[in-house]
Amino acid sequence: MKKFFSKKLLVEIFQTILGSFIMALGTSLFLLPNQLSSGGFSGIATITYYLLNLPMGTIILALNIPLFIIAFFKIGKTFLLKAVAGTISLSYFIDCTDKLKPLTQDRLLACIYGGIIIGIGTAIILRAEGSTGGTELLTNIINKYKPGHKTSSLIVILDTIIVGLNVFLFKEIEIGLYSAISIYIMGKILDILFEGIYFTKIMYIISDEYEKIAQKIETELERGVTGLYGKGMYTKQDKMILLCVVGRREIIRLRREIKEIDKNAFIILSDAREVLGKGFKTH
């Protein structure tokens, strides 16, 4: 038990809770008072909040419970623990901060600043490899059942349907337009905070421990690795260069695990405009 609750895990749980608090502020002070949606389960909870007068945080938690049950059998305990901590804290903080006075009733300002704040909170959670449930947790579950399945399209479809429901039920097209702006800003904030990462990344790794690193990538991240033969022109020594294509969420984790194996590893990160193949686009 002591080994499971390591210092690293406790720090990541704290970061997940902190990110959840920031997300709750963005939701309660900007989006929710203006009937705006950030998509996902939060969008469904926004609808029930206004139509049924049910606490938004409580609804988010209730919607995630079935996913927790499924995830318990399919996803690692560490990720699930952080997902539970993130979802419970987000739900609690939203219901608490919901009592605060909104900072603006201007929907344009609300979608801009709400998107920025929620994007910052989300980035903190992603850096801790955590989650607040919802479509993020659903993505991980689907990937366990169907590895390589293009879940990003599913998330976009779900967000579009939920925002569309907001427009239909509240009978205001502006809600959908402003919500779309908010979701877009959240994505751009993530890009900025993750070093401008938008496209898939190519990682080149030069290390004497290339076999251990390659095995780690293949078993832990379930990503393929290609070995390229090279030669150091200064040392005149042959080198094995590992090439791996990774997604945005995987970069922080992979970089840390490489450094744990070889702190002197040389890593090069570059953009990949389009990747076709297993685990990425299929056409």
Protein backbone atom coordinates (compact mmCIF):
# COMPACT_ATOMS: atom_id res chain seq x y z
CA MET A 1 0.00 0.00 0.00
CA LYS A 2 2.83 2.38 0.93
CA LYS A 3 4.56 1.56 -2.36
CA PHE A 4 1.36 2.21 -4.32
CA PHE A 5 0.81 5.63 -2.75
CA SER A 6 4.21 6.95 -3.76
CA LYS A 7 5.26 10.59 -3.48
CA LYS A 8 4.93 10.92 -7.26
CA LEU A 9 1.36 9.63 -7.22
CA LEU A 10 0.36 11.92 -4.35
CA VAL A 11 1.80 14.92 -6.20
CA GLU A 12 -0.13 13.95 -9.36
CA ILE A 13 -3.35 13.57 -7.37
CA PHE A 14 -2.79 17.03 -5.86
CA GLN A 15 -2.20 18.47 -9.34
CA THR A 16 -5.37 16.77 -10.58
CA ILE A 17 -7.39 18.28 -7.74
CA LEU A 18 -5.83 21.71 -8.34
CA GLY A 19 -6.67 21.51 -12.04
CA SER A 20 -10.23 20.47 -11.16
CA PHE A 21 -10.59 23.53 -8.92
CA ILE A 22 -9.45 25.84 -11.72
CA MET A 23 -11.86 24.14 -14.15
CA ALA A 24 -14.69 24.59 -11.65
CA LEU A 25 -13.96 28.32 -11.40
CA GLY A 26 -14.05 28.69 -15.18
CA THR A 27 -17.32 26.78 -15.31
CA SER A 28 -19.14 28.46 -12.41
CA LEU A 29 -17.91 32.02 -12.94
CA PHE A 30 -18.24 32.16 -16.72
CA LEU A 31 -19.85 29.31 -18.66
CA LEU A 32 -22.63 27.98 -16.44
CA PRO A 33 -24.26 31.36 -15.57
CA ASN A 34 -24.46 32.13 -19.28
CA GLN A 35 -25.87 28.72 -20.26
CA LEU A 36 -22.70 27.93 -22.23
CA SER A 37 -21.35 24.41 -22.66
CA SER A 38 -17.83 23.04 -22.77
CA GLY A 39 -19.09 19.81 -24.30
CA GLY A 40 -18.85 16.33 -22.78
CA PHE A 41 -20.60 15.43 -19.54
CA SER A 42 -20.38 19.07 -18.42
CA GLY A 43 -22.62 19.99 -21.34
CA ILE A 44 -25.22 17.40 -20.31
CA ALA A 45 -25.02 18.62 -16.72
CA THR A 46 -25.57 22.22 -17.89
CA ILE A 47 -28.84 21.17 -19.53
CA THR A 48 -30.11 19.33 -16.43
CA TYR A 49 -29.01 22.24 -14.24
CA TYR A 50 -31.38 24.63 -16.01
CA LEU A 51 -34.21 22.31 -16.99
CA LEU A 52 -34.44 20.15 -13.85
CA ASN A 53 -32.72 22.44 -11.33
CA LEU A 54 -30.24 19.69 -10.42
CA PRO A 55 -26.71 20.51 -9.14
CA MET A 56 -24.27 20.40 -12.05
CA GLY A 57 -21.47 18.76 -10.09
CA THR A 58 -23.72 16.00 -8.78
CA ILE A 59 -24.92 15.17 -12.30
CA ILE A 60 -21.33 15.00 -13.61
CA LEU A 61 -20.44 12.55 -10.84
CA ALA A 62 -23.55 10.44 -11.45
CA LEU A 63 -22.82 10.19 -15.19
CA ASN A 64 -19.27 9.02 -14.50
CA ILE A 65 -20.13 6.23 -12.04
CA PRO A 66 -20.87 3.64 -14.80
CA LEU A 67 -17.56 4.53 -16.45
CA PHE A 68 -15.72 4.03 -13.16
CA ILE A 69 -17.19 0.55 -12.84
CA ILE A 70 -16.08 -0.40 -16.36
CA ALA A 71 -12.69 1.27 -15.95
CA PHE A 72 -12.05 -0.67 -12.74
CA PHE A 73 -11.68 -3.84 -14.81
CA LYS A 74 -10.01 -2.36 -17.89
CA ILE A 75 -7.72 0.51 -16.86
CA GLY A 76 -4.74 0.66 -14.53
CA LYS A 77 -5.44 1.39 -10.88
CA THR A 78 -3.22 4.48 -10.84
CA PHE A 79 -5.04 6.21 -13.70
CA LEU A 80 -8.42 5.19 -12.30
CA LEU A 81 -7.52 6.57 -8.87
CA LYS A 82 -6.59 9.93 -10.37
CA ALA A 83 -9.73 9.89 -12.53
CA VAL A 84 -11.92 9.29 -9.48
CA ALA A 85 -10.09 12.01 -7.52
CA GLY A 86 -10.44 14.42 -10.44
CA THR A 87 -14.12 13.73 -11.05
CA ILE A 88 -15.15 13.89 -7.39
CA SER A 89 -13.17 17.09 -6.77
CA LEU A 90 -14.49 18.74 -9.96
CA SER A 91 -18.07 17.85 -9.01
CA TYR A 92 -17.59 19.14 -5.46
CA PHE A 93 -15.88 22.37 -6.51
CA ILE A 94 -18.51 23.15 -9.16
CA ASP A 95 -21.34 22.76 -6.66
CA CYS A 96 -19.45 24.96 -4.15
CA THR A 97 -18.40 27.70 -6.57
CA ASP A 98 -21.84 27.71 -8.17
CA LYS A 99 -22.88 29.92 -5.25
CA LEU A 100 -20.39 32.62 -6.28
CA LYS A 101 -21.52 35.66 -8.25
CA PRO A 102 -20.73 35.39 -11.99
CA LEU A 103 -17.97 37.72 -13.16
CA THR A 104 -19.79 38.66 -16.35
CA GLN A 105 -23.13 38.28 -18.11
CA ASP A 106 -21.58 39.04 -21.48
CA ARG A 107 -21.51 35.73 -23.34
CA LEU A 108 -18.60 36.70 -25.55
CA LEU A 109 -16.42 37.53 -22.54
CA ALA A 110 -17.72 34.44 -20.74
CA CYS A 111 -16.81 32.04 -23.57
CA ILE A 112 -13.34 33.59 -23.96
CA TYR A 113 -12.32 33.70 -20.31
CA GLY A 114 -14.18 30.50 -19.43
CA GLY A 115 -12.35 28.69 -22.23
CA ILE A 116 -8.97 30.07 -21.10
CA ILE A 117 -9.42 29.13 -17.44
CA ILE A 118 -10.83 25.66 -18.15
CA GLY A 119 -8.03 25.10 -20.65
CA ILE A 120 -5.42 25.93 -18.00
CA GLY A 121 -7.06 23.58 -15.50
CA THR A 122 -7.24 20.81 -18.08
CA ALA A 123 -3.56 21.26 -18.96
CA ILE A 124 -2.55 20.86 -15.31
CA ILE A 125 -4.55 17.63 -15.12
CA LEU A 126 -3.08 16.28 -18.36
CA ARG A 127 0.45 17.03 -17.15
CA ALA A 128 -0.32 14.91 -14.10
CA GLU A 129 -1.63 12.19 -16.44
CA GLY A 130 -4.97 12.55 -14.67
CA SER A 131 -8.56 12.89 -15.77
CA THR A 132 -11.91 14.34 -14.69
CA GLY A 133 -13.85 11.47 -16.23
CA GLY A 134 -16.35 12.14 -18.99
CA THR A 135 -15.24 11.77 -22.61
CA GLU A 136 -11.58 11.58 -21.52
CA LEU A 137 -12.26 8.46 -19.45
CA LEU A 138 -14.54 7.09 -22.17
CA THR A 139 -11.67 7.46 -24.66
CA ASN A 140 -9.34 5.40 -22.50
CA ILE A 141 -11.97 2.66 -22.05
CA ILE A 142 -12.64 2.46 -25.80
CA ASN A 143 -8.91 2.24 -26.49
CA LYS A 144 -8.68 -0.76 -24.19
CA TYR A 145 -11.45 -2.58 -26.06
CA LYS A 146 -10.37 -1.41 -29.53
CA PRO A 147 -6.68 -0.40 -29.55
CA GLY A 148 -5.90 2.15 -32.24
CA HIS A 149 -9.55 3.20 -32.61
CA LYS A 150 -9.87 6.84 -33.65
CA THR A 151 -11.59 8.13 -30.53
CA SER A 152 -10.93 11.81 -31.29
CA SER A 153 -13.71 11.69 -33.90
CA LEU A 154 -16.08 10.21 -31.33
CA ILE A 155 -15.34 13.02 -28.88
CA VAL A 156 -15.94 15.68 -31.54
CA ILE A 157 -19.25 14.04 -32.49
CA LEU A 158 -20.38 13.83 -28.86
CA ASP A 159 -19.44 17.45 -28.16
CA THR A 160 -21.28 18.58 -31.29
CA ILE A 161 -24.43 16.66 -30.30
CA ILE A 162 -24.36 18.01 -26.74
CA VAL A 163 -23.83 21.61 -27.85
CA GLY A 164 -26.62 21.09 -30.37
CA LEU A 165 -28.91 19.90 -27.57
CA ASN A 166 -28.10 23.07 -25.63
CA VAL A 167 -29.16 25.15 -28.63
CA PHE A 168 -32.32 23.10 -29.20
CA LEU A 169 -33.49 23.08 -25.58
CA PHE A 170 -32.61 26.68 -24.77
CA LYS A 171 -33.80 27.80 -28.23
CA GLU A 172 -30.87 30.21 -28.72
CA ILE A 173 -28.46 29.70 -31.59
CA GLU A 174 -26.00 32.06 -29.89
CA ILE A 175 -25.48 29.50 -27.12
CA GLY A 176 -24.09 27.04 -29.65
CA LEU A 177 -21.96 29.65 -31.39
CA TYR A 178 -20.40 30.91 -28.17
CA SER A 179 -19.97 27.38 -26.82
CA ALA A 180 -18.08 26.42 -29.97
CA ILE A 181 -15.76 29.40 -29.44
CA SER A 182 -15.18 28.34 -25.84
CA ILE A 183 -14.32 24.75 -26.81
CA TYR A 184 -11.96 26.03 -29.52
CA ILE A 185 -10.19 28.35 -27.06
CA MET A 186 -9.79 25.50 -24.57
CA GLY A 187 -8.05 23.47 -27.27
CA LYS A 188 -5.75 26.35 -28.24
CA ILE A 189 -4.79 26.94 -24.59
CA LEU A 190 -3.80 23.28 -24.36
CA ASP A 191 -1.69 23.69 -27.49
CA ILE A 192 0.09 26.71 -26.03
CA LEU A 193 0.72 25.18 -22.61
CA PHE A 194 2.00 21.96 -24.17
CA GLU A 195 4.76 23.84 -26.03
CA GLY A 196 2.59 24.62 -28.99
CA ILE A 197 1.82 20.96 -29.63
CA TYR A 198 -1.08 20.57 -32.03
CA PHE A 199 -0.13 17.83 -34.45
CA THR A 200 1.18 14.40 -33.63
CA LYS A 201 4.85 14.45 -32.65
CA ILE A 202 7.85 12.49 -33.86
CA MET A 203 10.35 11.68 -31.13
CA TYR A 204 13.94 10.73 -31.89
CA ILE A 205 15.83 9.18 -28.98
CA ILE A 206 19.58 8.62 -28.86
CA SER A 207 20.72 6.56 -25.89
CA ASP A 208 23.02 3.70 -24.99
CA GLU A 209 20.03 2.20 -23.18
CA TYR A 210 17.97 2.03 -26.37
CA GLU A 211 16.83 -1.56 -25.80
CA LYS A 212 15.31 -0.76 -22.38
CA ILE A 213 13.72 2.43 -23.71
CA ALA A 214 12.24 0.64 -26.75
CA GLN A 215 10.79 -2.08 -24.55
CA LYS A 216 9.29 0.53 -22.22
CA ILE A 217 7.60 2.34 -25.10
CA GLU A 218 6.21 -0.87 -26.59
CA THR A 219 4.90 -2.34 -23.31
CA GLU A 220 3.82 0.76 -21.39
CA LEU A 221 2.62 3.08 -24.16
CA GLU A 222 1.80 0.31 -26.64
CA ARG A 223 3.48 2.33 -29.39
CA GLY A 224 5.71 0.98 -32.10
CA VAL A 225 9.40 1.93 -32.20
CA THR A 226 11.76 1.91 -35.16
CA GLY A 227 15.53 1.64 -34.79
CA LEU A 228 17.66 3.68 -37.19
CA TYR A 229 21.38 3.07 -37.54
CA GLY A 230 23.51 6.19 -37.18
CA LYS A 231 27.04 7.29 -36.43
CA GLY A 232 28.37 10.06 -34.22
CA MET A 233 30.69 12.07 -36.45
CA TYR A 234 32.61 13.46 -33.48
CA THR A 235 33.00 10.21 -31.54
CA LYS A 236 33.09 8.04 -34.69
CA GLN A 237 30.91 5.55 -32.79
CA ASP A 238 27.90 3.72 -34.18
CA LYS A 239 24.60 4.76 -32.61
CA MET A 240 21.09 3.34 -32.54
CA ILE A 241 18.46 6.06 -32.99
CA LEU A 242 14.93 5.26 -31.89
CA LEU A 243 12.04 6.79 -33.79
CA CYS A 244 8.59 6.89 -32.23
CA VAL A 245 5.36 8.70 -33.17
CA VAL A 246 3.37 9.83 -30.13
CA GLY A 247 0.27 11.82 -29.26
CA ARG A 248 0.14 14.97 -27.13
CA ARG A 249 -0.90 13.21 -23.93
CA GLU A 250 1.98 10.74 -24.19
CA ILE A 251 4.86 13.20 -24.54
CA ILE A 252 5.18 14.24 -20.88
CA ARG A 253 5.03 10.65 -19.65
CA LEU A 254 7.42 9.29 -22.28
CA ARG A 255 9.98 12.01 -21.71
CA ARG A 256 9.95 11.35 -17.97
CA GLU A 257 10.28 7.58 -18.36
CA ILE A 258 13.17 7.95 -20.81
CA LYS A 259 15.04 10.13 -18.34
CA GLU A 260 14.42 7.60 -15.58
CA ILE A 261 16.18 4.96 -17.70
CA ASP A 262 18.93 7.23 -19.03
CA LYS A 263 19.22 10.78 -17.70
CA ASN A 264 21.74 11.55 -20.46
CA ALA A 265 19.44 10.45 -23.28
CA PHE A 266 19.32 12.87 -26.23
CA ILE A 267 15.72 13.58 -27.32
CA ILE A 268 14.54 15.43 -30.42
CA LEU A 269 10.85 16.34 -30.80
CA SER A 270 9.35 17.48 -34.11
CA ASP A 271 5.90 17.96 -35.63
CA ALA A 272 4.26 15.31 -37.77
CA ARG A 273 1.61 16.95 -39.93
CA GLU A 274 -0.21 13.70 -40.63
CA VAL A 275 0.28 10.12 -39.48
CA LEU A 276 -1.43 7.20 -41.21
CA GLY A 277 -1.39 3.75 -39.66
CA LYS A 278 -2.29 1.70 -36.63
CA GLY A 279 -3.02 3.84 -33.60
CA PHE A 280 -3.47 6.99 -35.70
CA LYS A 281 -5.42 7.85 -38.86
CA THR A 282 -6.34 4.83 -40.94
CA HIS A 283 -6.94 6.73 -44.16
